[in-house]
Amino acid sequence: MVLNISEIYVYPIKSMGAIALKSAVVAETGFAFDRYWMLVDRNGNCLTQREFPNMALFQVAFTDGGIRVSFNGASMAISNSLPLAANETMECRIWEDTIQAIKEPHTVSKWFSRHLGCEVFLVRMAPDSFRYVKRHAPSQVHFPDSSPYLVIGRASLQFLNEVI
């Protein structure tokens, strides 16, 4: 049996817009920069479209040094390199897991807070923090719900689109 990959998407910020790719760098934690960042509330709880449907309206694009996020005509650049204040960390929860995360600069979090109407922080996994795939340790992930790669066949996708 021959399987062909027809489309690859990454979501640099958990629960925000996808970026379609022609090719991707495969890593242990998933495709490079897939769910690399996430938004959390002041208590460190992960935010998703389940609670904040407006997160679906943010558009994300790669730039030479990171990503650009756009919302309602406004945009914010976010660097791939660690923030200068990389020592500003916070404990964050994503489902049953608790990890240490690095806060992005305050200007970035304030931009997201203004557009979502509540205080939020954009974070990335701290280099010395690990989140393991359930029942598959030592495999690791950043911020996806469950596993580093999610694959769906065309027939399954078509069926889901028909019943939803």
Protein backbone atom coordinates (compact mmCIF):
# COMPACT_ATOMS: atom_id res chain seq x y z
CA MET A 1 0.00 0.00 0.00
CA VAL A 2 1.31 3.43 -0.94
CA LEU A 3 0.32 6.42 1.17
CA ASN A 4 0.73 9.96 -0.09
CA ILE A 5 0.64 13.07 2.04
CA SER A 6 -1.49 15.66 0.28
CA GLU A 7 -1.42 18.48 2.82
CA ILE A 8 0.66 19.52 5.84
CA TYR A 9 -0.49 22.13 8.34
CA VAL A 10 1.18 23.54 11.42
CA TYR A 11 -0.42 25.66 14.10
CA PRO A 12 2.40 27.73 15.63
CA ILE A 13 0.12 28.99 18.42
CA LYS A 14 -2.19 26.40 19.95
CA SER A 15 -5.85 26.99 18.92
CA MET A 16 -5.02 29.69 16.37
CA GLY A 17 -4.78 29.72 12.59
CA ALA A 18 -2.96 27.08 10.57
CA ILE A 19 -0.14 27.57 8.12
CA ALA A 20 -0.13 25.28 5.07
CA LEU A 21 3.32 23.94 4.20
CA LYS A 22 4.78 22.24 1.13
CA SER A 23 7.32 20.46 3.35
CA ALA A 24 8.09 20.31 7.06
CA VAL A 25 10.95 19.53 9.37
CA VAL A 26 10.12 16.40 11.34
CA ALA A 27 11.19 16.40 15.00
CA GLU A 28 10.50 14.25 18.03
CA THR A 29 8.00 16.81 19.35
CA GLY A 30 6.16 17.14 16.01
CA PHE A 31 6.70 19.35 12.98
CA ALA A 32 8.99 22.30 13.66
CA PHE A 33 7.06 25.17 15.28
CA ASP A 34 3.77 23.23 15.46
CA ARG A 35 2.03 24.31 18.68
CA TYR A 36 5.27 25.90 19.79
CA TRP A 37 3.43 28.67 21.65
CA MET A 38 0.17 28.80 23.60
CA LEU A 39 -1.92 31.39 25.38
CA VAL A 40 -2.59 30.97 29.09
CA ASP A 41 -4.65 32.89 31.63
CA ARG A 42 -3.10 34.55 34.71
CA ASN A 43 -3.29 31.20 36.54
CA GLY A 44 -1.31 29.46 33.80
CA ASN A 45 -4.25 27.50 32.35
CA CYS A 46 -4.10 26.85 28.62
CA LEU A 47 -6.68 28.71 26.49
CA THR A 48 -8.38 27.13 23.49
CA GLN A 49 -11.13 27.92 21.00
CA ARG A 50 -13.45 25.85 23.19
CA GLU A 51 -13.61 28.77 25.64
CA PHE A 52 -12.46 31.58 23.33
CA PRO A 53 -13.95 31.03 19.85
CA ASN A 54 -12.43 34.34 18.67
CA MET A 55 -9.03 32.63 18.71
CA ALA A 56 -10.06 31.13 15.35
CA LEU A 57 -10.01 34.63 13.83
CA PHE A 58 -6.28 35.19 14.42
CA GLN A 59 -4.17 34.59 11.31
CA VAL A 60 -0.61 33.36 11.62
CA ALA A 61 2.21 33.52 9.04
CA PHE A 62 5.90 32.66 9.15
CA THR A 63 8.47 35.45 8.81
CA ASP A 64 12.25 35.21 8.47
CA GLY A 65 12.78 35.35 12.22
CA GLY A 66 9.52 34.04 13.64
CA ILE A 67 5.82 34.56 13.05
CA ARG A 68 3.40 37.42 12.44
CA VAL A 69 -0.05 37.21 14.00
CA SER A 70 -2.87 39.33 12.57
CA PHE A 71 -6.29 40.12 13.96
CA ASN A 72 -8.84 42.59 12.68
CA GLY A 73 -6.30 44.69 10.75
CA ALA A 74 -3.69 44.76 13.55
CA SER A 75 -0.59 42.58 13.67
CA MET A 76 2.20 41.56 16.03
CA ALA A 77 5.62 40.06 15.22
CA ILE A 78 6.92 37.31 17.49
CA SER A 79 10.51 36.12 17.34
CA ASN A 80 11.59 32.47 17.25
CA SER A 81 14.58 33.29 19.43
CA LEU A 82 14.23 33.23 23.19
CA PRO A 83 13.06 36.52 24.71
CA LEU A 84 15.71 38.63 26.47
CA ALA A 85 13.90 38.01 29.75
CA ALA A 86 13.91 34.25 29.15
CA ASN A 87 14.24 33.79 32.89
CA GLU A 88 10.66 35.04 33.35
CA THR A 89 8.87 31.73 33.58
CA MET A 90 5.52 30.59 34.86
CA GLU A 91 3.99 27.26 35.74
CA CYS A 92 1.39 26.35 33.12
CA ARG A 93 -1.22 23.63 32.82
CA ILE A 94 -2.23 21.98 29.61
CA TRP A 95 -4.87 19.36 30.35
CA GLU A 96 -3.40 17.04 33.05
CA ASP A 97 0.19 18.21 32.53
CA THR A 98 2.02 20.97 34.39
CA ILE A 99 5.12 22.44 32.77
CA GLN A 100 7.43 25.43 33.10
CA ALA A 101 6.99 27.94 30.29
CA ILE A 102 8.78 31.12 29.26
CA LYS A 103 6.66 34.25 28.95
CA GLU A 104 6.98 36.21 25.74
CA PRO A 105 7.62 39.97 26.14
CA HIS A 106 4.86 41.93 27.90
CA THR A 107 4.07 43.88 24.71
CA VAL A 108 3.14 40.61 22.99
CA SER A 109 0.88 39.41 25.81
CA LYS A 110 -0.76 42.84 26.10
CA TRP A 111 -1.54 42.75 22.37
CA PHE A 112 -3.31 39.39 22.72
CA SER A 113 -5.04 40.52 25.93
CA ARG A 114 -6.44 43.60 24.20
CA HIS A 115 -7.87 41.51 21.32
CA LEU A 116 -9.29 38.76 23.53
CA GLY A 117 -10.70 41.12 26.18
CA CYS A 118 -8.96 39.51 29.18
CA GLU A 119 -5.48 39.17 30.60
CA VAL A 120 -3.51 36.44 28.81
CA PHE A 121 0.13 35.51 28.39
CA LEU A 122 1.81 34.04 25.34
CA VAL A 123 4.26 31.35 26.45
CA ARG A 124 6.63 28.78 24.99
CA MET A 125 8.01 25.63 26.57
CA ALA A 126 11.05 26.25 28.76
CA PRO A 127 14.10 24.38 27.38
CA ASP A 128 14.44 22.33 30.58
CA SER A 129 10.74 21.42 30.78
CA PHE A 130 9.31 18.24 29.28
CA ARG A 131 5.83 17.07 28.40
CA TYR A 132 5.50 13.41 27.56
CA VAL A 133 3.06 11.73 25.19
CA LYS A 134 0.54 9.76 27.23
CA ARG A 135 1.37 6.04 27.31
CA HIS A 136 4.35 6.66 25.00
CA ALA A 137 7.08 8.14 27.21
CA PRO A 138 9.82 9.08 26.52
CA SER A 139 8.22 10.66 23.39
CA GLN A 140 7.71 14.38 23.97
CA VAL A 141 5.41 17.11 22.70
CA HIS A 142 5.06 20.84 23.13
CA PHE A 143 1.40 21.96 23.29
CA PRO A 144 -0.78 19.68 21.14
CA ASP A 145 -3.70 17.96 22.85
CA SER A 146 -2.24 14.48 22.65
CA SER A 147 0.45 13.44 20.19
CA PRO A 148 3.18 14.98 18.05
CA TYR A 149 1.53 14.06 14.74
CA LEU A 150 -2.12 13.82 13.77
CA VAL A 151 -2.96 12.11 10.50
CA ILE A 152 -6.36 11.73 8.86
CA GLY A 153 -7.31 10.00 5.61
CA ARG A 154 -9.34 11.78 2.93
CA ALA A 155 -12.30 9.39 3.29
CA SER A 156 -12.43 9.98 7.06
CA LEU A 157 -12.20 13.73 6.61
CA GLN A 158 -14.95 13.69 4.00
CA PHE A 159 -17.17 11.64 6.32
CA LEU A 160 -16.60 14.06 9.21
CA ASN A 161 -17.41 17.04 7.01
CA GLU A 162 -20.65 15.39 5.91
CA VAL A 163 -21.90 14.59 9.42
CA ILE A 164 -20.97 17.90 11.03
